[in-house]
Protein backbone atom coordinates (compact mmCIF):
# COMPACT_ATOMS: atom_id res chain seq x y z
CA UNK A 1 -42.79 -79.56 139.75
CA UNK A 2 -40.51 -76.57 139.11
CA UNK A 3 -37.95 -76.68 136.38
CA UNK A 4 -34.60 -76.41 138.21
CA UNK A 5 -32.95 -74.95 135.14
CA UNK A 6 -35.31 -71.98 134.92
CA UNK A 7 -34.11 -68.78 136.69
CA UNK A 8 -36.14 -67.78 139.71
CA UNK A 9 -37.51 -64.28 140.29
CA UNK A 10 -34.74 -63.63 142.80
CA UNK A 11 -31.97 -64.78 140.49
CA UNK A 12 -30.33 -62.24 138.17
CA UNK A 13 -30.60 -62.78 134.45
CA UNK A 14 -27.10 -63.80 133.43
CA UNK A 15 -27.80 -63.87 129.71
CA UNK A 16 -24.68 -62.41 128.07
CA UNK A 17 -25.02 -59.43 125.77
CA UNK A 18 -24.34 -60.22 122.14
CA UNK A 19 -22.83 -57.37 120.19
CA UNK A 20 -24.90 -56.78 117.05
CA UNK A 21 -23.18 -57.97 113.87
CA UNK A 22 -22.78 -55.54 111.02
CA UNK A 23 -23.93 -56.61 107.59
CA UNK A 24 -22.41 -54.86 104.60
CA UNK A 25 -24.31 -54.02 101.44
CA UNK A 26 -22.45 -55.25 98.36
CA UNK A 27 -23.41 -54.00 94.90
CA UNK A 28 -22.68 -56.58 92.17
CA UNK A 29 -22.20 -55.03 88.73
CA UNK A 30 -21.63 -56.76 85.41
CA UNK A 31 -23.05 -57.26 81.98
CA UNK A 32 -26.05 -59.58 82.10
CA UNK A 33 -26.18 -61.80 79.03
CA UNK A 34 -22.69 -63.30 79.30
CA UNK A 35 -22.33 -63.36 83.10
CA UNK A 36 -25.82 -64.31 84.33
CA UNK A 37 -24.76 -67.57 85.99
CA UNK A 38 -21.55 -66.07 87.39
CA UNK A 39 -23.55 -63.26 89.01
CA UNK A 40 -25.88 -65.76 90.67
CA UNK A 41 -22.94 -67.67 92.15
CA UNK A 42 -21.35 -64.45 93.44
CA UNK A 43 -24.64 -63.35 95.02
CA UNK A 44 -24.91 -66.72 96.81
CA UNK A 45 -21.35 -66.38 98.08
CA UNK A 46 -22.13 -62.92 99.50
CA UNK A 47 -25.29 -64.24 101.17
CA UNK A 48 -23.36 -67.14 102.69
CA UNK A 49 -20.90 -64.59 104.10
CA UNK A 50 -23.99 -63.04 105.79
CA UNK A 51 -23.87 -59.79 103.89
CA UNK A 52 -26.46 -58.09 101.66
CA UNK A 53 -25.96 -58.43 97.88
CA UNK A 54 -27.73 -55.93 95.62
CA UNK A 55 -27.62 -55.25 91.90
CA UNK A 56 -29.62 -54.38 88.85
CA UNK A 57 -29.39 -57.67 87.00
CA UNK A 58 -33.14 -57.70 86.41
CA UNK A 59 -33.38 -54.01 85.62
CA UNK A 60 -31.72 -51.97 82.88
CA UNK A 61 -31.77 -48.20 83.13
CA UNK A 62 -33.13 -46.73 79.93
CA UNK A 63 -33.73 -43.16 81.07
CA UNK A 64 -32.77 -40.75 83.83
CA UNK A 65 -35.54 -42.06 86.09
CA UNK A 66 -33.99 -45.51 85.99
CA UNK A 67 -30.51 -44.07 86.48
CA UNK A 68 -31.65 -42.22 89.61
CA UNK A 69 -32.89 -45.54 91.02
CA UNK A 70 -29.50 -47.12 90.40
CA UNK A 71 -27.59 -44.24 91.98
CA UNK A 72 -29.75 -44.32 95.10
CA UNK A 73 -28.92 -48.00 95.56
CA UNK A 74 -25.21 -47.33 95.03
CA UNK A 75 -25.33 -44.45 97.53
CA UNK A 76 -26.37 -46.95 100.24
CA UNK A 77 -23.70 -49.47 99.24
CA UNK A 78 -20.62 -50.34 101.31
CA UNK A 79 -18.63 -52.30 98.71
CA UNK A 80 -18.83 -52.50 94.92
CA UNK A 81 -17.99 -55.77 93.11
CA UNK A 82 -17.30 -55.42 89.39
CA UNK A 83 -17.27 -58.48 87.08
CA UNK A 84 -15.84 -58.04 83.58
CA UNK A 85 -15.49 -60.56 80.78
CA UNK A 86 -16.00 -60.40 76.99
CA UNK A 87 -19.08 -58.18 76.65
CA UNK A 88 -19.32 -54.41 76.99
CA UNK A 89 -23.09 -54.29 77.46
CA UNK A 90 -25.88 -51.93 76.55
CA UNK A 91 -24.67 -48.40 75.76
CA UNK A 92 -26.31 -45.29 77.16
CA UNK A 93 -26.67 -43.03 74.09
CA UNK A 94 -26.31 -39.82 76.14
CA UNK A 95 -22.82 -40.72 77.40
CA UNK A 96 -21.66 -43.34 74.86
CA UNK A 97 -20.76 -45.57 77.81
CA UNK A 98 -22.26 -48.85 78.93
CA UNK A 99 -24.53 -48.82 81.98
CA UNK A 100 -21.98 -51.05 83.73
CA UNK A 101 -19.24 -48.47 83.18
CA UNK A 102 -21.54 -45.67 84.35
CA UNK A 103 -22.31 -47.61 87.55
CA UNK A 104 -18.59 -48.19 88.17
CA UNK A 105 -17.63 -44.55 87.62
CA UNK A 106 -20.46 -43.34 89.86
CA UNK A 107 -19.33 -45.70 92.66
CA UNK A 108 -15.77 -44.36 92.38
CA UNK A 109 -17.04 -40.79 92.43
CA UNK A 110 -18.82 -41.58 95.73
CA UNK A 111 -15.66 -43.09 97.22
CA UNK A 112 -17.07 -46.63 97.51
CA UNK A 113 -14.36 -49.35 97.65
CA UNK A 114 -14.22 -51.35 94.42
CA UNK A 115 -13.34 -55.04 94.11
CA UNK A 116 -12.71 -55.83 90.44
CA UNK A 117 -12.63 -59.33 88.87
CA UNK A 118 -11.61 -59.66 85.20
CA UNK A 119 -11.95 -62.92 83.27
CA UNK A 120 -8.90 -64.06 81.35
CA UNK A 121 -9.46 -63.59 77.65
CA UNK A 122 -8.28 -67.14 76.98
CA UNK A 123 -11.20 -68.48 79.07
CA UNK A 124 -13.92 -66.60 77.18
CA UNK A 125 -15.79 -68.53 74.50
CA UNK A 126 -16.57 -66.97 71.14
CA UNK A 127 -20.29 -66.66 71.79
CA UNK A 128 -19.53 -64.42 74.77
CA UNK A 129 -17.17 -62.05 72.98
CA UNK A 130 -18.07 -58.69 71.48
CA UNK A 131 -18.34 -58.85 67.70
CA UNK A 132 -19.04 -55.13 67.28
CA UNK A 133 -15.62 -53.44 66.75
CA UNK A 134 -16.77 -50.24 68.45
CA UNK A 135 -17.97 -52.07 71.55
CA UNK A 136 -14.84 -54.22 71.62
CA UNK A 137 -12.70 -51.09 71.62
CA UNK A 138 -14.80 -49.49 74.38
CA UNK A 139 -14.54 -52.67 76.47
CA UNK A 140 -10.76 -52.75 76.14
CA UNK A 141 -10.49 -49.10 77.22
CA UNK A 142 -12.81 -49.78 80.17
CA UNK A 143 -10.70 -52.76 81.29
CA UNK A 144 -7.53 -50.67 81.06
CA UNK A 145 -9.21 -47.93 83.12
CA UNK A 146 -10.13 -50.43 85.84
CA UNK A 147 -6.70 -52.08 85.84
CA UNK A 148 -5.04 -48.70 86.16
CA UNK A 149 -7.05 -47.85 89.28
CA UNK A 150 -7.32 -51.11 91.25
CA UNK A 151 -5.56 -54.37 92.08
CA UNK A 152 -7.72 -56.67 89.97
CA UNK A 153 -8.27 -60.39 90.48
CA UNK A 154 -8.17 -62.42 87.27
CA UNK A 155 -10.29 -65.54 86.98
CA UNK A 156 -11.00 -68.27 84.43
CA UNK A 157 -13.79 -70.58 85.60
CA UNK A 158 -17.11 -70.04 87.28
CA UNK A 159 -16.02 -72.47 90.01
CA UNK A 160 -13.22 -70.24 91.27
CA UNK A 161 -15.03 -66.88 91.07
CA UNK A 162 -17.41 -67.05 94.13
CA UNK A 163 -14.63 -68.07 96.51
CA UNK A 164 -12.34 -65.35 95.16
CA UNK A 165 -15.05 -62.71 95.69
CA UNK A 166 -15.85 -63.91 99.24
CA UNK A 167 -12.17 -63.94 100.23
CA UNK A 168 -11.44 -60.51 98.74
CA UNK A 169 -14.53 -59.04 100.43
CA UNK A 170 -13.60 -60.48 103.84
CA UNK A 171 -10.02 -59.18 103.56
CA UNK A 172 -11.14 -55.72 102.42
CA UNK A 173 -13.61 -55.40 105.31
CA UNK A 174 -10.89 -56.34 107.81
CA UNK A 175 -8.33 -54.02 106.20
CA UNK A 176 -10.75 -51.10 106.47
CA UNK A 177 -11.37 -51.90 110.15
CA UNK A 178 -7.62 -52.15 110.83
CA UNK A 179 -7.01 -48.86 109.02
CA UNK A 180 -9.78 -47.22 111.10
CA UNK A 181 -11.86 -46.40 108.02
CA UNK A 182 -14.68 -48.93 108.40
CA UNK A 183 -17.69 -48.78 106.13
CA UNK A 184 -21.03 -47.91 107.80
CA UNK A 185 -22.77 -51.26 107.26
CA UNK A 186 -26.27 -52.15 108.45
CA UNK A 187 -27.77 -53.31 111.75
CA UNK A 188 -31.18 -54.73 112.54
CA UNK A 189 -33.34 -52.16 114.26
CA UNK A 190 -34.00 -54.44 117.24
CA UNK A 191 -30.29 -55.10 117.78
CA UNK A 192 -29.26 -51.59 118.84
CA UNK A 193 -31.49 -51.04 121.87
CA UNK A 194 -34.32 -48.64 122.52
CA UNK A 195 -34.88 -44.97 121.91
CA UNK A 196 -32.09 -43.93 124.28
CA UNK A 197 -29.55 -45.94 122.31
CA UNK A 198 -30.88 -44.55 119.04
CA UNK A 199 -30.60 -41.01 120.39
CA UNK A 200 -27.03 -41.63 121.50
CA UNK A 201 -26.20 -43.15 118.15
CA UNK A 202 -27.63 -40.09 116.39
CA UNK A 203 -25.66 -37.77 118.69
CA UNK A 204 -22.42 -39.63 118.06
CA UNK A 205 -23.05 -39.62 114.32
CA UNK A 206 -23.61 -35.86 114.39
CA UNK A 207 -20.49 -35.33 116.50
CA UNK A 208 -18.47 -37.49 114.14
CA UNK A 209 -19.68 -35.50 111.14
CA UNK A 210 -18.75 -32.24 112.88
CA UNK A 211 -15.26 -33.47 113.77
CA UNK A 212 -14.72 -34.78 110.25
CA UNK A 213 -15.63 -31.35 108.87
CA UNK A 214 -13.26 -29.60 111.28
CA UNK A 215 -10.50 -32.05 110.40
CA UNK A 216 -11.00 -31.43 106.70
CA UNK A 217 -10.97 -27.66 107.25
CA UNK A 218 -7.74 -27.94 109.25
CA UNK A 219 -6.22 -30.14 106.57
CA UNK A 220 -7.06 -27.66 103.83
CA UNK A 221 -5.74 -24.73 105.85
CA UNK A 222 -2.49 -26.52 106.74
CA UNK A 223 -1.99 -27.40 103.09
CA UNK A 224 -2.50 -23.82 101.94
CA UNK A 225 -0.97 -20.43 102.60
CA UNK A 226 -0.86 -18.93 106.12
CA UNK A 227 -0.39 -15.17 106.25
CA UNK A 228 0.92 -13.12 109.16
CA UNK A 229 1.50 -9.37 109.45
CA UNK A 230 4.85 -8.33 110.93
CA UNK A 231 4.91 -4.62 111.77
CA UNK A 232 7.97 -2.71 112.91
CA UNK A 233 9.36 0.80 112.95
CA UNK A 234 12.89 -0.49 112.39
CA UNK A 235 14.52 -2.85 109.95
CA UNK A 236 15.67 -5.35 112.56
CA UNK A 237 12.92 -6.47 114.92
CA UNK A 238 9.57 -7.35 113.32
CA UNK A 239 6.88 -7.89 115.91
CA UNK A 240 3.12 -8.15 116.31
CA UNK A 241 3.08 -6.54 119.75
CA UNK A 242 2.88 -2.84 120.57
CA UNK A 243 5.47 -0.69 118.85
CA UNK A 244 7.00 2.24 120.72
CA UNK A 245 9.54 4.73 119.44
CA UNK A 246 11.16 7.94 120.60
CA UNK A 247 11.64 10.83 118.17
CA UNK A 248 13.67 14.04 118.42
CA UNK A 249 12.25 17.37 117.33
CA UNK A 250 14.67 19.17 115.03
CA UNK A 251 15.10 22.72 113.88
CA UNK A 252 17.81 24.26 111.73
CA UNK A 253 19.17 23.94 108.22
CA UNK A 254 21.72 21.70 106.60
CA UNK A 255 23.19 20.44 103.34
CA UNK A 256 21.27 17.88 101.24
CA UNK A 257 24.37 16.64 99.47
CA UNK A 258 24.59 13.38 101.38
CA UNK A 259 21.08 12.46 100.24
CA UNK A 260 21.41 12.90 96.52
CA UNK A 261 24.24 15.17 95.50
CA UNK A 262 22.24 18.39 95.95
CA UNK A 263 24.09 21.12 97.86
CA UNK A 264 21.06 23.34 98.47
CA UNK A 265 20.33 24.19 102.09
CA UNK A 266 17.03 23.06 103.62
CA UNK A 267 15.23 24.38 106.67
CA UNK A 268 13.34 22.29 109.21
CA UNK A 269 11.05 23.69 111.91
CA UNK A 270 9.40 22.11 114.95
CA UNK A 271 6.03 22.00 113.18
CA UNK A 272 7.27 20.53 109.88
CA UNK A 273 5.29 17.40 108.92
CA UNK A 274 8.62 15.53 108.72
CA UNK A 275 9.01 16.07 112.45
CA UNK A 276 5.48 14.78 113.03
CA UNK A 277 5.70 11.66 110.86
CA UNK A 278 6.24 8.16 112.25
CA UNK A 279 7.64 5.99 109.46
CA UNK A 280 6.73 2.32 109.53
CA UNK A 281 7.92 -0.73 107.64
CA UNK A 282 5.60 -3.73 107.45
CA UNK A 283 6.07 -7.27 106.20
CA UNK A 284 3.79 -10.16 105.29
CA UNK A 285 5.01 -13.66 106.18
CA UNK A 286 3.65 -16.83 104.57
CA UNK A 287 4.21 -19.67 107.05
CA UNK A 288 2.00 -22.12 105.13
CA UNK A 289 2.82 -24.86 102.65
CA UNK A 290 1.51 -23.18 99.50
CA UNK A 291 2.15 -19.91 97.72
CA UNK A 292 -0.15 -16.98 98.49
CA UNK A 293 -1.27 -15.32 95.28
CA UNK A 294 -2.78 -11.88 94.69
CA UNK A 295 -2.52 -10.84 98.33
CA UNK A 296 -4.62 -7.82 99.30
CA UNK A 297 -3.68 -5.86 102.44
CA UNK A 298 -6.19 -3.30 103.76
CA UNK A 299 -5.00 -0.91 106.48
CA UNK A 300 -7.09 1.63 108.40
CA UNK A 301 -5.57 4.30 110.66
CA UNK A 302 -6.83 5.84 113.88
CA UNK A 303 -5.11 8.82 115.49
CA UNK A 304 -3.28 10.05 112.40
CA UNK A 305 -3.88 13.31 110.61
CA UNK A 306 -2.72 11.80 107.35
CA UNK A 307 -0.81 8.94 105.79
CA UNK A 308 2.11 9.56 103.44
CA UNK A 309 4.06 7.21 101.21
CA UNK A 310 7.80 6.93 100.79
CA UNK A 311 7.75 8.44 97.30
CA UNK A 312 5.96 11.55 98.60
CA UNK A 313 8.70 12.34 101.09
CA UNK A 314 10.93 15.29 100.23
CA UNK A 315 14.55 14.52 100.92
CA UNK A 316 15.32 15.32 104.52
CA UNK A 317 18.24 14.80 106.92
CA UNK A 318 15.79 12.92 109.13
CA UNK A 319 15.13 10.15 106.62
CA UNK A 320 17.17 7.01 105.81
CA UNK A 321 19.44 7.21 102.82
CA UNK A 322 18.00 4.18 101.00
CA UNK A 323 14.36 3.43 100.24
CA UNK A 324 12.93 0.45 98.34
CA UNK A 325 12.39 1.47 94.75
CA UNK A 326 8.64 0.69 94.80
CA UNK A 327 5.94 2.96 93.46
CA UNK A 328 2.19 2.90 93.04
CA UNK A 329 2.72 1.02 89.79
CA UNK A 330 0.65 -2.11 89.14
CA UNK A 331 3.54 -3.59 87.17
CA UNK A 332 5.53 -3.85 90.41
CA UNK A 333 5.48 -6.97 92.57
CA UNK A 334 4.16 -4.97 95.52
CA UNK A 335 2.32 -1.73 94.94
CA UNK A 336 -0.17 0.70 96.43
CA UNK A 337 -3.66 0.13 95.05
CA UNK A 338 -5.37 3.09 96.76
CA UNK A 339 -4.94 5.30 99.80
CA UNK A 340 -6.45 8.24 101.64
CA UNK A 341 -5.89 10.04 104.94
CA UNK A 342 -7.35 7.10 106.87
CA UNK A 343 -7.00 4.04 104.62
CA UNK A 344 -4.39 2.25 102.56
CA UNK A 345 -4.65 -0.78 100.28
CA UNK A 346 -1.59 -2.67 99.05
CA UNK A 347 -1.32 -5.65 96.72
CA UNK A 348 1.41 -8.29 96.54
CA UNK A 349 1.36 -10.61 93.55
CA UNK A 350 2.89 -13.71 95.20
CA UNK A 351 4.42 -14.76 98.53
CA UNK A 352 6.17 -18.12 98.36
CA UNK A 353 5.93 -20.60 101.28
CA UNK A 354 8.25 -19.61 104.13
CA UNK A 355 9.00 -16.21 102.60
CA UNK A 356 8.53 -12.79 104.21
CA UNK A 357 7.77 -9.99 101.74
CA UNK A 358 8.38 -6.31 102.46
CA UNK A 359 5.41 -4.01 101.95
CA UNK A 360 5.63 -0.42 100.77
CA UNK A 361 6.87 1.79 103.59
CA UNK A 362 4.47 4.46 104.80
CA UNK A 363 4.31 7.18 107.45
CA UNK A 364 1.57 8.33 109.80
CA UNK A 365 1.50 12.07 110.41
CA UNK A 366 0.50 13.12 113.92
CA UNK A 367 -1.83 16.13 114.30
CA UNK A 368 0.84 17.85 116.37
CA UNK A 369 4.32 17.19 117.78
CA UNK A 370 5.38 19.27 120.73
CA UNK A 371 8.26 18.59 123.15
CA UNK A 372 7.76 15.86 125.77
CA UNK A 373 4.44 14.69 124.35
CA UNK A 374 3.16 11.22 123.42
CA UNK A 375 0.93 10.19 120.55
CA UNK A 376 -0.98 6.90 120.19
CA UNK A 377 -1.79 5.34 116.85
CA UNK A 378 -3.84 2.26 115.97
CA UNK A 379 -3.75 0.33 112.70
CA UNK A 380 -6.51 -2.10 111.79
CA UNK A 381 -5.52 -4.63 109.14
CA UNK A 382 -7.09 -7.32 106.96
CA UNK A 383 -5.03 -9.63 104.74
CA UNK A 384 -6.58 -11.97 102.16
CA UNK A 385 -5.42 -13.97 99.14
CA UNK A 386 -7.18 -15.77 96.32
CA UNK A 387 -6.71 -19.22 97.87
CA UNK A 388 -8.74 -18.27 100.95
CA UNK A 389 -5.99 -17.65 103.52
CA UNK A 390 -6.65 -14.54 105.62
CA UNK A 391 -5.74 -12.72 108.81
CA UNK A 392 -7.09 -9.60 110.51
CA UNK A 393 -6.41 -7.67 113.69
CA UNK A 394 -5.01 -4.41 115.14
CA UNK A 395 -1.58 -3.01 115.97
CA UNK A 396 -1.27 -0.25 118.57
CA UNK A 397 1.86 1.83 119.06
CA UNK A 398 3.03 4.95 120.84
CA UNK A 399 5.38 7.72 119.69
CA UNK A 400 6.87 10.37 121.93
CA UNK A 401 9.06 13.41 121.28
CA UNK A 402 12.04 14.58 123.34
CA UNK A 403 13.29 18.14 123.76
CA UNK A 404 13.99 19.92 120.47
CA UNK A 405 17.43 19.83 118.89
CA UNK A 406 18.88 22.60 116.77
CA UNK A 407 21.28 21.45 114.05
CA UNK A 408 23.66 23.21 111.74
CA UNK A 409 25.13 20.14 110.07
CA UNK A 410 23.59 16.84 109.07
CA UNK A 411 26.46 14.83 110.51
CA UNK A 412 25.71 16.23 113.97
CA UNK A 413 22.17 14.79 114.07
CA UNK A 414 21.45 11.95 116.47
CA UNK A 415 19.24 9.12 115.26
CA UNK A 416 15.73 8.63 116.53
CA UNK A 417 15.46 5.69 118.89
């Protein structure tokens, strides 16, 4: 006779899928001689909570081989439970710290959540107190270190300790889930499906690692300096787009008195390099949240016959009356490090967050400048600072010359546009 409760071949299997339950590995750390029974009770409490307790209660590291074994276990741990009472424990002679303190500090270094439980001094019997003054002092410093870093649970009796550990562990696991920073935990191999599920799990883990790395990179960059080149041929409109400017060609002679109190006449011809020079001002802006220090700006020029600096310019009626008083002096905040006909390197000692610093003005000399002609220049730039912020790119601009103008007096000169 058929069993009516058994599903037939034609009936679908309606067995509901049970989501696999994570088990968390919990490392229990304490001194052994005075807390042996307490450790056993805590381990049972963790087992009853259906998690995986681990520890080195039956093993004391005496050399680096043993320490490597301990660290490998801690590396695979989700939560670290620290029990402290009246003993400091065996001291590692290489560090002058107890093995318990070394375990704790290693767990913190690895970012493993710590749950600390400290026994009230009034509940510790004399046979479980340190009698060595040096160890007693080290224990007190260790307890103060732990109390300064964590919200510690104080306990008196062995009866209350297991429940306190189980409750704190449950709450910490839930808090981490709510805060979207859950610990990895462990799953049985047969609870996560076949090879396809394992492959998907591996893919998602790899994707998560990649996104975490990108997020950390973005966080570091947003917290640091962010440098931007602003190039302009005027003092009013900095821009990163193409720069275009119209120049007049001048010929004649005029007084230099307005530019420095010198009354000597000067002569300017169509072919003078001052007629062929496009003067540029450039600025570096720090739009980040940290200061940019020791900024290096490398510029390379294409299309220019030469590059000249402001302090090489002879006084001319074509030049502005005021120049920044910067020189190629390393004592200055911004200075020219090196330059040639095709390259220029500037250094700026510091650019505060949100500040735009002027660079040394420079001019590009065109090979020729004849009436109604255009000339194209290109500047390649790289900016870097010691904190790692950087930017690079190119700026293209065009200069053209109108019909020549003959002048007899400086005041009659029109400005270049």
